[in-house]
Every structure is written in C-alpha cells, then in structure tokens.
PDB file of all heavy atoms in Angstrom:
ATOM      1  N   THR A   1     107.998  25.404 133.683  1.00  0.00           N
ATOM      2  CA  THR A   1     107.960  25.155 135.129  1.00  0.00           C
ATOM      3  C   THR A   1     106.553  25.343 135.694  1.00  0.00           C
ATOM      4  O   THR A   1     106.378  25.522 136.903  1.00  0.00           O
ATOM      5  CB  THR A   1     108.943  26.089 135.849  1.00  0.00           C
ATOM      6  OG1 THR A   1     108.657  27.452 135.488  1.00  0.00           O
ATOM      7  CG2 THR A   1     110.383  25.772 135.483  1.00  0.00           C
ATOM      8  N   ALA A   2     105.556  25.279 134.831  1.00  0.00           N
ATOM      9  CA  ALA A   2     104.167  25.476 135.268  1.00  0.00           C
ATOM     10  C   ALA A   2     103.759  24.470 136.332  1.00  0.00           C
ATOM     11  O   ALA A   2     102.992  24.793 137.246  1.00  0.00           O
ATOM     12  CB  ALA A   2     103.226  25.393 134.069  1.00  0.00           C
ATOM     13  N   SER A   3     104.279  23.241 136.245  1.00  0.00           N
ATOM     14  CA  SER A   3     103.892  22.205 137.207  1.00  0.00           C
ATOM     15  C   SER A   3     104.312  22.579 138.626  1.00  0.00           C
ATOM     16  O   SER A   3     103.619  22.244 139.600  1.00  0.00           O
ATOM     17  CB  SER A   3     104.514  20.860 136.819  1.00  0.00           C
ATOM     18  OG  SER A   3     105.927  20.940 136.820  1.00  0.00           O
ATOM     19  N   ILE A   4     105.449  23.274 138.771  1.00  0.00           N
ATOM     20  CA  ILE A   4     105.890  23.718 140.103  1.00  0.00           C
ATOM     21  C   ILE A   4     104.933  24.762 140.648  1.00  0.00           C
ATOM     22  O   ILE A   4     104.539  24.724 141.820  1.00  0.00           O
ATOM     23  CB  ILE A   4     107.327  24.278 140.032  1.00  0.00           C
ATOM     24  CG1 ILE A   4     108.320  23.162 139.703  1.00  0.00           C
ATOM     25  CG2 ILE A   4     107.706  24.965 141.342  1.00  0.00           C
ATOM     26  CD1 ILE A   4     109.749  23.635 139.512  1.00  0.00           C
ATOM     27  N   ARG A   5     104.521  25.693 139.802  1.00  0.00           N
ATOM     28  CA  ARG A   5     103.614  26.754 140.254  1.00  0.00           C
ATOM     29  C   ARG A   5     102.230  26.217 140.566  1.00  0.00           C
ATOM     30  O   ARG A   5     101.551  26.728 141.472  1.00  0.00           O
ATOM     31  CB  ARG A   5     103.508  27.850 139.186  1.00  0.00           C
ATOM     32  CG  ARG A   5     104.806  28.609 138.931  1.00  0.00           C
ATOM     33  CD  ARG A   5     104.573  29.848 138.082  1.00  0.00           C
ATOM     34  NE  ARG A   5     104.023  29.535 136.770  1.00  0.00           N
ATOM     35  CZ  ARG A   5     104.753  29.188 135.708  1.00  0.00           C
ATOM     36  NH1 ARG A   5     106.072  29.089 135.825  1.00  0.00           N
ATOM     37  NH2 ARG A   5     104.190  28.941 134.544  1.00  0.00           N
ATOM     38  N   GLU A   6     101.801  25.191 139.860  1.00  0.00           N
ATOM     39  CA  GLU A   6     100.417  24.731 139.978  1.00  0.00           C
ATOM     40  C   GLU A   6     100.230  23.617 141.003  1.00  0.00           C
ATOM     41  O   GLU A   6      99.106  23.351 141.429  1.00  0.00           O
ATOM     42  CB  GLU A   6      99.923  24.251 138.602  1.00  0.00           C
ATOM     43  CG  GLU A   6      99.827  25.390 137.581  1.00  0.00           C
ATOM     44  CD  GLU A   6      99.650  24.881 136.157  1.00  0.00           C
ATOM     45  OE1 GLU A   6      99.579  23.641 135.978  1.00  0.00           O
ATOM     46  OE2 GLU A   6      99.613  25.712 135.234  1.00  0.00           O
ATOM     47  N   SER A   7     101.318  22.964 141.423  1.00  0.00           N
ATOM     48  CA  SER A   7     101.187  21.860 142.369  1.00  0.00           C
ATOM     49  C   SER A   7     101.228  22.357 143.811  1.00  0.00           C
ATOM     50  O   SER A   7     101.593  23.500 144.089  1.00  0.00           O
ATOM     51  CB  SER A   7     102.289  20.821 142.131  1.00  0.00           C
ATOM     52  OG  SER A   7     103.574  21.417 142.240  1.00  0.00           O
ATOM     53  N   THR A   8     100.856  21.469 144.739  1.00  0.00           N
ATOM     54  CA  THR A   8     100.793  21.805 146.160  1.00  0.00           C
ATOM     55  C   THR A   8     102.031  21.290 146.875  1.00  0.00           C
ATOM     56  O   THR A   8     102.306  20.094 146.872  1.00  0.00           O
ATOM     57  CB  THR A   8      99.534  21.194 146.800  1.00  0.00           C
ATOM     58  OG1 THR A   8      98.380  21.691 146.116  1.00  0.00           O
ATOM     59  CG2 THR A   8      99.448  21.560 148.274  1.00  0.00           C
ATOM     60  N   TRP A   9     102.756  22.186 147.494  1.00  0.00           N
ATOM     61  CA  TRP A   9     103.948  21.837 148.271  1.00  0.00           C
ATOM     62  C   TRP A   9     104.298  23.007 149.176  1.00  0.00           C
ATOM     63  O   TRP A   9     103.820  24.121 148.986  1.00  0.00           O
ATOM     64  CB  TRP A   9     105.145  21.511 147.355  1.00  0.00           C
ATOM     65  CG  TRP A   9     105.418  22.550 146.311  1.00  0.00           C
ATOM     66  CD1 TRP A   9     104.907  22.608 145.036  1.00  0.00           C
ATOM     67  CD2 TRP A   9     106.218  23.743 146.459  1.00  0.00           C
ATOM     68  NE1 TRP A   9     105.344  23.737 144.384  1.00  0.00           N
ATOM     69  CE2 TRP A   9     106.161  24.454 145.226  1.00  0.00           C
ATOM     70  CE3 TRP A   9     106.996  24.261 147.492  1.00  0.00           C
ATOM     71  CZ2 TRP A   9     106.833  25.656 145.023  1.00  0.00           C
ATOM     72  CZ3 TRP A   9     107.673  25.466 147.290  1.00  0.00           C
ATOM     73  CH2 TRP A   9     107.591  26.138 146.062  1.00  0.00           C
ATOM     74  N   ARG A  10     105.131  22.760 150.168  1.00  0.00           N
ATOM     75  CA  ARG A  10     105.564  23.800 151.091  1.00  0.00           C
ATOM     76  C   ARG A  10     107.052  23.646 151.377  1.00  0.00           C
ATOM     77  O   ARG A  10     107.618  22.567 151.219  1.00  0.00           O
ATOM     78  CB  ARG A  10     104.768  23.737 152.403  1.00  0.00           C
ATOM     79  CG  ARG A  10     103.292  24.122 152.208  1.00  0.00           C
ATOM     80  CD  ARG A  10     102.474  23.834 153.453  1.00  0.00           C
ATOM     81  NE  ARG A  10     102.769  24.730 154.555  1.00  0.00           N
ATOM     82  CZ  ARG A  10     102.218  25.928 154.724  1.00  0.00           C
ATOM     83  NH1 ARG A  10     101.347  26.384 153.828  1.00  0.00           N
ATOM     84  NH2 ARG A  10     102.506  26.682 155.769  1.00  0.00           N
ATOM     85  N   ILE A  11     107.664  24.754 151.791  1.00  0.00           N
ATOM     86  CA  ILE A  11     109.093  24.715 152.112  1.00  0.00           C
ATOM     87  C   ILE A  11     109.319  23.945 153.408  1.00  0.00           C
ATOM     88  O   ILE A  11     108.379  23.608 154.118  1.00  0.00           O
ATOM     89  CB  ILE A  11     109.678  26.137 152.241  1.00  0.00           C
ATOM     90  CG1 ILE A  11     109.022  26.883 153.426  1.00  0.00           C
ATOM     91  CG2 ILE A  11     109.506  26.905 150.938  1.00  0.00           C
ATOM     92  CD1 ILE A  11     109.752  28.144 153.840  1.00  0.00           C
ATOM     93  N   GLY A  12     110.609  23.678 153.731  1.00  0.00           N
ATOM     94  CA  GLY A  12     110.960  22.936 154.928  1.00  0.00           C
ATOM     95  C   GLY A  12     110.753  23.737 156.207  1.00  0.00           C
ATOM     96  O   GLY A  12     110.277  24.876 156.196  1.00  0.00           O
ATOM     97  N   ALA A  13     111.151  23.138 157.313  1.00  0.00           N
ATOM     98  CA  ALA A  13     110.934  23.731 158.625  1.00  0.00           C
ATOM     99  C   ALA A  13     111.765  25.004 158.810  1.00  0.00           C
ATOM    100  O   ALA A  13     112.861  25.134 158.263  1.00  0.00           O
ATOM    101  CB  ALA A  13     111.286  22.723 159.717  1.00  0.00           C
ATOM    102  N   ILE A  14     111.216  25.926 159.604  1.00  0.00           N
ATOM    103  CA  ILE A  14     111.894  27.180 159.930  1.00  0.00           C
ATOM    104  C   ILE A  14     112.401  27.100 161.363  1.00  0.00           C
ATOM    105  O   ILE A  14     111.654  26.730 162.271  1.00  0.00           O
ATOM    106  CB  ILE A  14     110.932  28.374 159.758  1.00  0.00           C
ATOM    107  CG1 ILE A  14     110.487  28.483 158.291  1.00  0.00           C
ATOM    108  CG2 ILE A  14     111.584  29.673 160.210  1.00  0.00           C
ATOM    109  CD1 ILE A  14     109.449  29.561 158.033  1.00  0.00           C
ATOM    110  N   PRO A  15     113.678  27.427 161.607  1.00  0.00           N
ATOM    111  CA  PRO A  15     114.230  27.349 162.969  1.00  0.00           C
ATOM    112  C   PRO A  15     113.482  28.253 163.947  1.00  0.00           C
ATOM    113  O   PRO A  15     112.931  29.291 163.561  1.00  0.00           O
ATOM    114  CB  PRO A  15     115.679  27.821 162.789  1.00  0.00           C
ATOM    115  CG  PRO A  15     115.981  27.634 161.343  1.00  0.00           C
ATOM    116  CD  PRO A  15     114.686  27.841 160.622  1.00  0.00           C
ATOM    117  N   ASP A  16     113.490  27.877 165.211  1.00  0.00           N
ATOM    118  CA  ASP A  16     112.753  28.621 166.233  1.00  0.00           C
ATOM    119  C   ASP A  16     113.175  30.079 166.303  1.00  0.00           C
ATOM    120  O   ASP A  16     112.327  30.971 166.479  1.00  0.00           O
ATOM    121  CB  ASP A  16     112.950  27.966 167.615  1.00  0.00           C
ATOM    122  CG  ASP A  16     112.222  26.632 167.730  1.00  0.00           C
ATOM    123  OD1 ASP A  16     111.349  26.359 166.872  1.00  0.00           O
ATOM    124  OD2 ASP A  16     112.528  25.871 168.665  1.00  0.00           O
ATOM    125  N   ASP A  17     114.481  30.353 166.187  1.00  0.00           N
ATOM    126  CA  ASP A  17     114.928  31.738 166.355  1.00  0.00           C
ATOM    127  C   ASP A  17     114.700  32.593 165.121  1.00  0.00           C
ATOM    128  O   ASP A  17     115.045  33.783 165.117  1.00  0.00           O
ATOM    129  CB  ASP A  17     116.393  31.801 166.806  1.00  0.00           C
ATOM    130  CG  ASP A  17     117.363  31.222 165.794  1.00  0.00           C
ATOM    131  OD1 ASP A  17     116.919  30.436 164.922  1.00  0.00           O
ATOM    132  OD2 ASP A  17     118.564  31.512 165.883  1.00  0.00           O
ATOM    133  N   LEU A  18     114.104  32.018 164.075  1.00  0.00           N
ATOM    134  CA  LEU A  18     113.726  32.798 162.897  1.00  0.00           C
ATOM    135  C   LEU A  18     112.207  32.878 162.725  1.00  0.00           C
ATOM    136  O   LEU A  18     111.723  33.370 161.709  1.00  0.00           O
ATOM    137  CB  LEU A  18     114.347  32.208 161.632  1.00  0.00           C
ATOM    138  CG  LEU A  18     115.833  32.470 161.412  1.00  0.00           C
ATOM    139  CD1 LEU A  18     116.294  31.835 160.093  1.00  0.00           C
ATOM    140  CD2 LEU A  18     116.151  33.963 161.400  1.00  0.00           C
ATOM    141  N   LEU A  19     111.465  32.426 163.732  1.00  0.00           N
ATOM    142  CA  LEU A  19     110.008  32.409 163.602  1.00  0.00           C
ATOM    143  C   LEU A  19     109.392  33.793 163.773  1.00  0.00           C
ATOM    144  O   LEU A  19     108.262  34.027 163.353  1.00  0.00           O
ATOM    145  CB  LEU A  19     109.398  31.442 164.626  1.00  0.00           C
ATOM    146  CG  LEU A  19     109.616  29.960 164.330  1.00  0.00           C
ATOM    147  CD1 LEU A  19     109.082  29.099 165.467  1.00  0.00           C
ATOM    148  CD2 LEU A  19     108.959  29.552 163.007  1.00  0.00           C
ATOM    149  N   ASP A  20     110.098  34.723 164.396  1.00  0.00           N
ATOM    150  CA  ASP A  20     109.601  36.086 164.564  1.00  0.00           C
ATOM    151  C   ASP A  20     110.610  37.047 163.937  1.00  0.00           C
ATOM    152  O   ASP A  20     111.708  37.245 164.457  1.00  0.00           O
ATOM    153  CB  ASP A  20     109.423  36.401 166.044  1.00  0.00           C
ATOM    154  CG  ASP A  20     108.766  37.763 166.270  1.00  0.00           C
ATOM    155  OD1 ASP A  20     108.615  38.536 165.297  1.00  0.00           O
ATOM    156  OD2 ASP A  20     108.395  38.052 167.425  1.00  0.00           O
ATOM    157  N   ARG A  21     110.217  37.639 162.811  1.00  0.00           N
ATOM    158  CA  ARG A  21     111.115  38.560 162.099  1.00  0.00           C
ATOM    159  C   ARG A  21     110.399  39.881 161.823  1.00  0.00           C
ATOM    160  O   ARG A  21     110.638  40.534 160.811  1.00  0.00           O
ATOM    161  CB  ARG A  21     111.593  37.925 160.791  1.00  0.00           C
ATOM    162  CG  ARG A  21     112.411  36.650 161.029  1.00  0.00           C
ATOM    163  CD  ARG A  21     112.799  35.987 159.734  1.00  0.00           C
ATOM    164  NE  ARG A  21     113.708  36.817 158.967  1.00  0.00           N
ATOM    165  CZ  ARG A  21     114.183  36.466 157.765  1.00  0.00           C
ATOM    166  NH1 ARG A  21     113.825  35.307 157.230  1.00  0.00           N
ATOM    167  NH2 ARG A  21     115.003  37.252 157.115  1.00  0.00           N
ATOM    168  N   ARG A  22     109.565  40.297 162.788  1.00  0.00           N
ATOM    169  CA  ARG A  22     108.727  41.469 162.519  1.00  0.00           C
ATOM    170  C   ARG A  22     109.525  42.769 162.427  1.00  0.00           C
ATOM    171  O   ARG A  22     109.100  43.686 161.736  1.00  0.00           O
ATOM    172  CB  ARG A  22     107.637  41.570 163.579  1.00  0.00           C
ATOM    173  CG  ARG A  22     106.511  40.569 163.379  1.00  0.00           C
ATOM    174  CD  ARG A  22     105.531  40.612 164.522  1.00  0.00           C
ATOM    175  NE  ARG A  22     106.116  40.097 165.760  1.00  0.00           N
ATOM    176  CZ  ARG A  22     105.454  40.017 166.899  1.00  0.00           C
ATOM    177  NH1 ARG A  22     104.202  40.415 166.957  1.00  0.00           N
ATOM    178  NH2 ARG A  22     106.046  39.535 167.971  1.00  0.00           N
ATOM    179  N   VAL A  23     110.629  42.866 163.137  1.00  0.00           N
ATOM    180  CA  VAL A  23     111.466  44.061 163.035  1.00  0.00           C
ATOM    181  C   VAL A  23     112.890  43.618 162.719  1.00  0.00           C
ATOM    182  O   VAL A  23     113.515  42.904 163.499  1.00  0.00           O
ATOM    183  CB  VAL A  23     111.456  44.892 164.333  1.00  0.00           C
ATOM    184  CG1 VAL A  23     112.271  46.170 164.140  1.00  0.00           C
ATOM    185  CG2 VAL A  23     110.032  45.232 164.735  1.00  0.00           C
ATOM    186  N   GLU A  24     113.360  44.048 161.565  1.00  0.00           N
ATOM    187  CA  GLU A  24     114.668  43.620 161.075  1.00  0.00           C
ATOM    188  C   GLU A  24     115.405  44.856 160.583  1.00  0.00           C
ATOM    189  O   GLU A  24     114.821  45.704 159.905  1.00  0.00           O
ATOM    190  CB  GLU A  24     114.457  42.630 159.922  1.00  0.00           C
ATOM    191  CG  GLU A  24     115.621  41.719 159.643  1.00  0.00           C
ATOM    192  CD  GLU A  24     115.210  40.558 158.726  1.00  0.00           C
ATOM    193  OE1 GLU A  24     114.583  39.602 159.219  1.00  0.00           O
ATOM    194  OE2 GLU A  24     115.489  40.607 157.528  1.00  0.00           O
ATOM    195  N   ILE A  25     116.689  44.983 160.936  1.00  0.00           N
ATOM    196  CA  ILE A  25     117.478  46.115 160.479  1.00  0.00           C
ATOM    197  C   ILE A  25     118.747  45.622 159.801  1.00  0.00           C
ATOM    198  O   ILE A  25     119.109  44.447 159.912  1.00  0.00           O
ATOM    199  CB  ILE A  25     117.828  47.083 161.632  1.00  0.00           C
ATOM    200  CG1 ILE A  25     118.581  46.352 162.745  1.00  0.00           C
ATOM    201  CG2 ILE A  25     116.576  47.758 162.164  1.00  0.00           C
ATOM    202  CD1 ILE A  25     119.037  47.268 163.872  1.00  0.00           C
ATOM    203  N   THR A  26     119.413  46.526 159.100  1.00  0.00           N
ATOM    204  CA  THR A  26     120.590  46.113 158.336  1.00  0.00           C
ATOM    205  C   THR A  26     121.633  47.222 158.323  1.00  0.00           C
ATOM    206  O   THR A  26     121.341  48.386 158.575  1.00  0.00           O
ATOM    207  CB  THR A  26     120.208  45.760 156.887  1.00  0.00           C
ATOM    208  OG1 THR A  26     121.377  45.317 156.186  1.00  0.00           O
ATOM    209  CG2 THR A  26     119.633  46.964 156.152  1.00  0.00           C
ATOM    210  N   GLY A  27     122.851  46.831 158.036  1.00  0.00           N
ATOM    211  CA  GLY A  27     123.957  47.771 157.912  1.00  0.00           C
ATOM    212  C   GLY A  27     125.237  46.998 157.661  1.00  0.00           C
ATOM    213  O   GLY A  27     125.257  45.762 157.709  1.00  0.00           O
ATOM    214  N   PRO A  28     126.324  47.712 157.370  1.00  0.00           N
ATOM    215  CA  PRO A  28     127.594  47.033 157.093  1.00  0.00           C
ATOM    216  C   PRO A  28     128.177  46.396 158.359  1.00  0.00           C
ATOM    217  O   PRO A  28     127.855  46.812 159.473  1.00  0.00           O
ATOM    218  CB  PRO A  28     128.486  48.178 156.591  1.00  0.00           C
ATOM    219  CG  PRO A  28     127.903  49.410 157.227  1.00  0.00           C
ATOM    220  CD  PRO A  28     126.429  49.173 157.288  1.00  0.00           C
ATOM    221  N   PRO A  29     129.043  45.408 158.213  1.00  0.00           N
ATOM    222  CA  PRO A  29     129.618  44.709 159.373  1.00  0.00           C
ATOM    223  C   PRO A  29     130.767  45.489 160.007  1.00  0.00           C
ATOM    224  O   PRO A  29     131.901  45.015 160.092  1.00  0.00           O
ATOM    225  CB  PRO A  29     130.094  43.377 158.776  1.00  0.00           C
ATOM    226  CG  PRO A  29     130.443  43.712 157.362  1.00  0.00           C
ATOM    227  CD  PRO A  29     129.454  44.768 156.944  1.00  0.00           C
ATOM    228  N   GLU A  30     130.466  46.715 160.446  1.00  0.00           N
ATOM    229  CA  GLU A  30     131.445  47.543 161.131  1.00  0.00           C
ATOM    230  C   GLU A  30     131.243  47.422 162.637  1.00  0.00           C
ATOM    231  O   GLU A  30     130.114  47.349 163.123  1.00  0.00           O
ATOM    232  CB  GLU A  30     131.309  48.998 160.668  1.00  0.00           C
ATOM    233  CG  GLU A  30     131.622  49.168 159.176  1.00  0.00           C
ATOM    234  CD  GLU A  30     131.284  50.541 158.643  1.00  0.00           C
ATOM    235  OE1 GLU A  30     130.643  51.326 159.391  1.00  0.00           O
ATOM    236  OE2 GLU A  30     131.623  50.830 157.485  1.00  0.00           O
ATOM    237  N   ARG A  31     132.336  47.425 163.371  1.00  0.00           N
ATOM    238  CA  ARG A  31     132.343  47.018 164.776  1.00  0.00           C
ATOM    239  C   ARG A  31     131.287  47.729 165.635  1.00  0.00           C
ATOM    240  O   ARG A  31     130.451  47.081 166.269  1.00  0.00           O
ATOM    241  CB  ARG A  31     133.743  47.249 165.330  1.00  0.00           C
ATOM    242  CG  ARG A  31     134.036  46.668 166.685  1.00  0.00           C
ATOM    243  CD  ARG A  31     135.530  46.655 166.933  1.00  0.00           C
ATOM    244  NE  ARG A  31     136.174  45.646 166.103  1.00  0.00           N
ATOM    245  CZ  ARG A  31     136.463  44.418 166.518  1.00  0.00           C
ATOM    246  NH1 ARG A  31     136.164  44.055 167.750  1.00  0.00           N
ATOM    247  NH2 ARG A  31     137.036  43.548 165.719  1.00  0.00           N
ATOM    248  N   LYS A  32     131.300  49.052 165.672  1.00  0.00           N
ATOM    249  CA  LYS A  32     130.349  49.790 166.506  1.00  0.00           C
ATOM    250  C   LYS A  32     128.917  49.561 166.047  1.00  0.00           C
ATOM    251  O   LYS A  32     128.005  49.363 166.865  1.00  0.00           O
ATOM    252  CB  LYS A  32     130.684  51.281 166.485  1.00  0.00           C
ATOM    253  CG  LYS A  32     129.738  52.134 167.320  1.00  0.00           C
ATOM    254  CD  LYS A  32     130.100  53.607 167.191  1.00  0.00           C
ATOM    255  CE  LYS A  32     129.070  54.481 167.886  1.00  0.00           C
ATOM    256  NZ  LYS A  32     129.374  55.931 167.742  1.00  0.00           N
ATOM    257  N   MET A  33     128.708  49.561 164.729  1.00  0.00           N
ATOM    258  CA  MET A  33     127.359  49.379 164.204  1.00  0.00           C
ATOM    259  C   MET A  33     126.803  47.995 164.530  1.00  0.00           C
ATOM    260  O   MET A  33     125.630  47.850 164.894  1.00  0.00           O
ATOM    261  CB  MET A  33     127.335  49.598 162.694  1.00  0.00           C
ATOM    262  CG  MET A  33     125.963  49.362 162.073  1.00  0.00           C
ATOM    263  SD  MET A  33     125.870  49.864 160.360  1.00  0.00           S
ATOM    264  CE  MET A  33     125.818  51.644 160.536  1.00  0.00           C
ATOM    265  N   VAL A  34     127.627  46.972 164.406  1.00  0.00           N
ATOM    266  CA  VAL A  34     127.170  45.609 164.697  1.00  0.00           C
ATOM    267  C   VAL A  34     126.745  45.491 166.162  1.00  0.00           C
ATOM    268  O   VAL A  34     125.716  44.889 166.476  1.00  0.00           O
ATOM    269  CB  VAL A  34     128.268  44.584 164.353  1.00  0.00           C
ATOM    270  CG1 VAL A  34     127.897  43.203 164.879  1.00  0.00           C
ATOM    271  CG2 VAL A  34     128.486  44.527 162.844  1.00  0.00           C
ATOM    272  N   ILE A  35     127.516  46.085 167.071  1.00  0.00           N
ATOM    273  CA  ILE A  35     127.163  46.037 168.498  1.00  0.00           C
ATOM    274  C   ILE A  35     125.835  46.748 168.734  1.00  0.00           C
ATOM    275  O   ILE A  35     124.917  46.196 169.367  1.00  0.00           O
ATOM    276  CB  ILE A  35     128.274  46.670 169.358  1.00  0.00           C
ATOM    277  CG1 ILE A  35     129.560  45.845 169.263  1.00  0.00           C
ATOM    278  CG2 ILE A  35     127.831  46.770 170.822  1.00  0.00           C
ATOM    279  CD1 ILE A  35     130.763  46.491 169.927  1.00  0.00           C
TER     280      ILE A  35
END
C-alpha cells in the first residue's frame, strides 16, 4: 500500500458542526449524564 502513503490526496468535506472539536468529552449513554 506504499502508493497510498506516497501519493497526494485528501479526505472529503467536513460538516460545519464538526469543524470545531477543541473540547470533547465522553461517557456512557445514561440519562442524567447525557443531559
């Protein structure tokens, strides 16, 4: 797969609401925590 690593290309467009991800948190999908 060297040709993929060595060639020039870029991924597709990123949606507007994902353009800023500077602070991201995580946890299980439990009701109080999700809110």
